[in-house]
Amino acid sequence: MTPHIAPTALYQEVAERLRQRIFTYELAPGAWIDEQMLAELYGISRTPLREALKVLAAEGLVVLKPRRGCYVTEVSRQDTNDIFPLIAMLEGRCAADATRRATAPDIAELEKIHQRLEGGARDNRIADFFEANQDFHGKLQDLAGNRWLKSVIQDLRKVLKLSRLHSLSLEGRLQQSLEEHRGIMAALVAGDAGLAERLMHDHLLSSQGALIRMEETGEGKAL
């Protein structure tokens, strides 16, 4: 039985619970969100629920349709074509700024995360590789020191998570991604901000290319 949400948590906790249900596809792309059912499930009024849905709508995770209700966003090919070049540019900037700001302990921490990538690829543990990949990118965003840049990137990544396909499940993509990360890590160690920016930009576009191939061939699956 799902525990009721304490009144003091308000819409933030409601938004987080719905966010996780969307990311795990318990609420599938295109699904209608039954507000009355959710309000009863969580033991709350419709007001905090509607505020939570407004938050998710601002993040691009749901779509509010007048007189029709709220629906989980469906990510189209056009959406990914629009988002990937943008996120590639932004994360490239993050990599450059992080390279300029990184201290020796920062580099050591990044190298530890990178070793998790190596291990995940060696043992073909896609989920572990994916988690380490998320941590690596997140660490670079923190090192870049620009909270606005990080916020935009995280919102774009939330939308990309709505896709049921993941590029790492494409044959050969895991090793390719590792090689790309090796190059980025080498640029960070060398303190070459321009190279780190270019390699990160290309890395994200490479992920887009893998997703396109998966859609066209029907190969691969979601994590």
Protein backbone atom coordinates (compact mmCIF):
# COMPACT_ATOMS: atom_id res chain seq x y z
CA MET A 1 0.00 0.00 0.00
CA THR A 2 1.39 3.42 -0.95
CA PRO A 3 1.81 5.58 2.16
CA HIS A 4 -0.02 8.89 2.21
CA ILE A 5 2.02 12.05 1.80
CA ALA A 6 2.28 14.32 4.83
CA PRO A 7 0.55 17.68 4.28
CA THR A 8 3.79 19.56 4.98
CA ALA A 9 5.47 17.96 1.94
CA LEU A 10 3.09 19.80 -0.39
CA TYR A 11 3.49 19.65 -4.15
CA GLN A 12 7.29 19.11 -4.25
CA GLU A 13 7.07 15.55 -2.97
CA VAL A 14 4.06 14.86 -5.17
CA ALA A 15 6.04 16.06 -8.18
CA GLU A 16 8.99 13.83 -7.27
CA ARG A 17 6.80 10.75 -6.87
CA LEU A 18 5.14 11.36 -10.23
CA ARG A 19 8.51 12.09 -11.81
CA GLN A 20 9.83 8.69 -10.74
CA ARG A 21 6.70 6.92 -11.96
CA ILE A 22 7.21 8.58 -15.34
CA PHE A 23 10.90 7.66 -15.53
CA THR A 24 10.14 4.00 -14.73
CA TYR A 25 7.30 4.01 -17.32
CA GLU A 26 4.72 3.17 -14.68
CA LEU A 27 3.11 6.22 -16.24
CA ALA A 28 3.87 5.55 -19.89
CA PRO A 29 4.49 8.17 -22.59
CA GLY A 30 1.15 9.42 -23.86
CA ALA A 31 -0.76 8.11 -20.82
CA TRP A 32 -3.60 10.16 -19.37
CA ILE A 33 -2.99 11.11 -15.73
CA ASP A 34 -6.00 10.32 -13.55
CA GLU A 35 -5.91 13.19 -11.05
CA GLN A 36 -8.74 11.90 -8.88
CA MET A 37 -7.17 8.46 -8.57
CA LEU A 38 -3.76 9.90 -7.67
CA ALA A 39 -5.23 12.32 -5.13
CA GLU A 40 -6.98 9.40 -3.42
CA LEU A 41 -3.87 7.22 -3.66
CA TYR A 42 -1.66 9.80 -1.97
CA GLY A 43 -4.31 11.03 0.44
CA ILE A 44 -4.12 14.65 -0.72
CA SER A 45 -6.43 17.24 -2.23
CA ARG A 46 -6.39 18.08 -5.93
CA THR A 47 -4.64 21.43 -5.26
CA PRO A 48 -1.10 20.14 -4.47
CA LEU A 49 -1.49 17.54 -7.21
CA ARG A 50 -2.28 20.20 -9.79
CA GLU A 51 0.65 22.31 -8.57
CA ALA A 52 2.90 19.28 -8.97
CA LEU A 53 1.64 18.73 -12.52
CA LYS A 54 2.45 22.36 -13.33
CA VAL A 55 6.02 21.72 -12.17
CA LEU A 56 6.28 18.62 -14.38
CA ALA A 57 4.77 20.54 -17.29
CA ALA A 58 7.47 23.22 -16.90
CA GLU A 59 10.08 20.43 -17.03
CA GLY A 60 8.53 19.05 -20.21
CA LEU A 61 7.52 15.74 -18.63
CA VAL A 62 3.77 16.21 -18.99
CA VAL A 63 1.46 18.17 -21.27
CA LEU A 64 -1.57 20.04 -19.91
CA LYS A 65 -4.38 20.04 -22.46
CA PRO A 66 -7.36 22.39 -21.88
CA ARG A 67 -10.58 20.48 -21.16
CA ARG A 68 -8.80 17.19 -21.80
CA GLY A 69 -6.55 16.85 -18.77
CA CYS A 70 -2.88 16.02 -18.33
CA TYR A 71 -0.81 13.53 -20.36
CA VAL A 72 2.72 12.16 -20.07
CA THR A 73 4.89 13.67 -22.79
CA GLU A 74 5.72 11.53 -25.82
CA VAL A 75 9.19 12.14 -27.22
CA SER A 76 9.24 12.24 -31.01
CA ARG A 77 12.12 11.98 -33.46
CA GLN A 78 11.83 15.73 -33.95
CA ASP A 79 12.15 16.25 -30.20
CA THR A 80 15.40 14.30 -30.04
CA ASN A 81 16.69 16.03 -33.17
CA ASP A 82 16.03 19.36 -31.48
CA ILE A 83 17.35 18.45 -28.04
CA PHE A 84 20.59 16.60 -28.79
CA PRO A 85 22.42 19.41 -30.64
CA LEU A 86 21.42 21.78 -27.84
CA ILE A 87 22.50 19.52 -25.01
CA ALA A 88 25.72 18.71 -26.90
CA MET A 89 26.54 22.40 -27.03
CA LEU A 90 25.69 22.96 -23.35
CA GLU A 91 27.54 19.91 -22.04
CA GLY A 92 30.49 20.80 -24.22
CA ARG A 93 30.59 24.16 -22.48
CA CYS A 94 30.39 22.37 -19.12
CA ALA A 95 33.34 20.16 -20.00
CA ALA A 96 35.42 23.18 -21.00
CA ASP A 97 34.60 25.14 -17.85
CA ALA A 98 35.12 22.09 -15.66
CA THR A 99 38.55 21.51 -17.21
CA ARG A 100 39.59 25.08 -16.39
CA ARG A 101 38.33 24.86 -12.79
CA ALA A 102 39.25 21.27 -11.87
CA THR A 103 41.78 20.72 -9.09
CA ALA A 104 43.94 17.62 -8.63
CA PRO A 105 41.41 16.08 -6.19
CA ASP A 106 38.62 16.78 -8.71
CA ILE A 107 40.54 14.96 -11.44
CA ALA A 108 41.17 12.07 -9.07
CA GLU A 109 37.44 11.79 -8.36
CA LEU A 110 36.64 11.87 -12.08
CA GLU A 111 39.20 9.13 -12.67
CA LYS A 112 37.48 6.97 -10.03
CA ILE A 113 34.16 7.42 -11.82
CA HIS A 114 35.86 6.64 -15.11
CA GLN A 115 37.16 3.37 -13.69
CA ARG A 116 33.55 2.40 -13.01
CA LEU A 117 32.88 3.04 -16.71
CA GLU A 118 35.80 0.78 -17.60
CA GLY A 119 34.49 -1.97 -15.35
CA GLY A 120 30.94 -1.70 -16.64
CA ALA A 121 32.09 -1.91 -20.25
CA ARG A 122 34.50 -4.78 -19.55
CA ASP A 123 31.77 -6.90 -17.96
CA ASN A 124 29.01 -5.65 -20.30
CA ARG A 125 27.02 -4.30 -17.34
CA ILE A 126 24.99 -1.68 -19.17
CA ALA A 127 23.03 -0.47 -16.13
CA ASP A 128 26.23 0.06 -14.13
CA PHE A 129 27.88 1.83 -17.06
CA PHE A 130 24.83 4.05 -17.42
CA GLU A 131 24.88 4.98 -13.73
CA ALA A 132 28.60 5.81 -13.84
CA ASN A 133 28.03 7.80 -17.01
CA GLN A 134 25.36 9.87 -15.25
CA ASP A 135 27.70 10.48 -12.32
CA PHE A 136 30.54 11.52 -14.65
CA HIS A 137 28.41 14.05 -16.49
CA GLY A 138 26.93 15.29 -13.21
CA LYS A 139 30.38 15.81 -11.72
CA LEU A 140 31.44 17.89 -14.73
CA GLN A 141 28.30 19.99 -14.38
CA ASP A 142 29.12 20.62 -10.72
CA LEU A 143 32.74 21.51 -11.52
CA ALA A 144 31.64 23.95 -14.22
CA GLY A 145 30.14 26.04 -11.42
CA ASN A 146 27.23 27.47 -13.41
CA ARG A 147 23.93 26.58 -11.75
CA TRP A 148 21.86 27.96 -14.63
CA LEU A 149 23.72 25.86 -17.16
CA LYS A 150 23.31 22.78 -14.95
CA SER A 151 19.58 23.45 -14.51
CA VAL A 152 18.95 23.66 -18.26
CA ILE A 153 20.97 20.49 -18.93
CA GLN A 154 19.13 18.55 -16.25
CA ASP A 155 15.74 19.60 -17.60
CA LEU A 156 16.72 18.50 -21.11
CA ARG A 157 18.03 15.19 -19.77
CA LYS A 158 14.71 14.59 -17.99
CA VAL A 159 12.90 14.84 -21.31
CA LEU A 160 15.36 12.49 -23.00
CA LYS A 161 14.71 9.93 -20.26
CA LEU A 162 11.15 9.61 -21.57
CA SER A 163 12.48 7.65 -24.53
CA ARG A 164 12.14 3.90 -24.04
CA LEU A 165 15.26 3.33 -26.14
CA HIS A 166 18.75 3.77 -24.77
CA SER A 167 21.76 4.09 -27.04
CA LEU A 168 24.00 1.88 -24.85
CA SER A 169 21.94 -1.19 -25.77
CA LEU A 170 22.87 -0.80 -29.45
CA GLU A 171 25.47 -3.36 -30.48
CA GLY A 172 28.94 -1.83 -30.26
CA ARG A 173 27.75 1.42 -28.64
CA LEU A 174 28.96 0.55 -25.14
CA GLN A 175 32.58 0.21 -26.26
CA GLN A 176 32.27 3.25 -28.52
CA SER A 177 30.96 5.33 -25.61
CA LEU A 178 33.84 4.13 -23.44
CA GLU A 179 36.37 5.22 -26.06
CA GLU A 180 34.70 8.62 -26.22
CA HIS A 181 34.91 8.91 -22.44
CA ARG A 182 38.56 7.94 -22.51
CA GLY A 183 39.24 10.84 -24.84
CA ILE A 184 37.29 13.28 -22.65
CA MET A 185 39.12 12.05 -19.55
CA ALA A 186 42.49 12.47 -21.26
CA ALA A 187 41.61 16.05 -22.23
CA LEU A 188 40.60 16.79 -18.64
CA VAL A 189 43.87 15.39 -17.28
CA ALA A 190 45.82 17.39 -19.85
CA GLY A 191 43.92 20.56 -18.96
CA ASP A 192 42.89 21.07 -22.59
CA ALA A 193 39.54 22.85 -22.26
CA GLY A 194 39.00 23.26 -25.99
CA LEU A 195 39.53 19.58 -26.69
CA ALA A 196 37.32 18.54 -23.78
CA GLU A 197 34.54 20.76 -25.13
CA ARG A 198 34.79 19.35 -28.65
CA LEU A 199 34.95 15.72 -27.52
CA MET A 200 31.99 16.11 -25.18
CA HIS A 201 29.97 17.78 -27.94
CA ASP A 202 30.76 14.94 -30.33
CA HIS A 203 30.03 12.34 -27.63
CA LEU A 204 26.45 13.58 -27.22
CA LEU A 205 25.86 13.69 -30.98
CA SER A 206 27.22 10.16 -31.20
CA SER A 207 24.57 9.07 -28.68
CA GLN A 208 21.93 10.70 -30.86
CA GLY A 209 23.21 8.82 -33.89
CA ALA A 210 22.97 5.53 -32.02
CA LEU A 211 19.35 6.23 -31.04
CA ILE A 212 18.46 7.02 -34.64
CA ARG A 213 19.98 3.70 -35.79
CA MET A 214 18.02 1.86 -33.11
CA GLU A 215 14.76 3.42 -34.24
CA GLU A 216 15.46 2.59 -37.87
CA THR A 217 16.55 -1.01 -37.28
CA GLY A 218 14.43 -1.90 -34.25
CA GLU A 219 17.59 -3.03 -32.46
CA GLY A 220 18.16 -2.53 -28.77
CA LYS A 221 15.91 -1.97 -25.79
CA ALA A 222 15.36 0.33 -22.85
CA LEU A 223 17.44 -0.05 -19.70
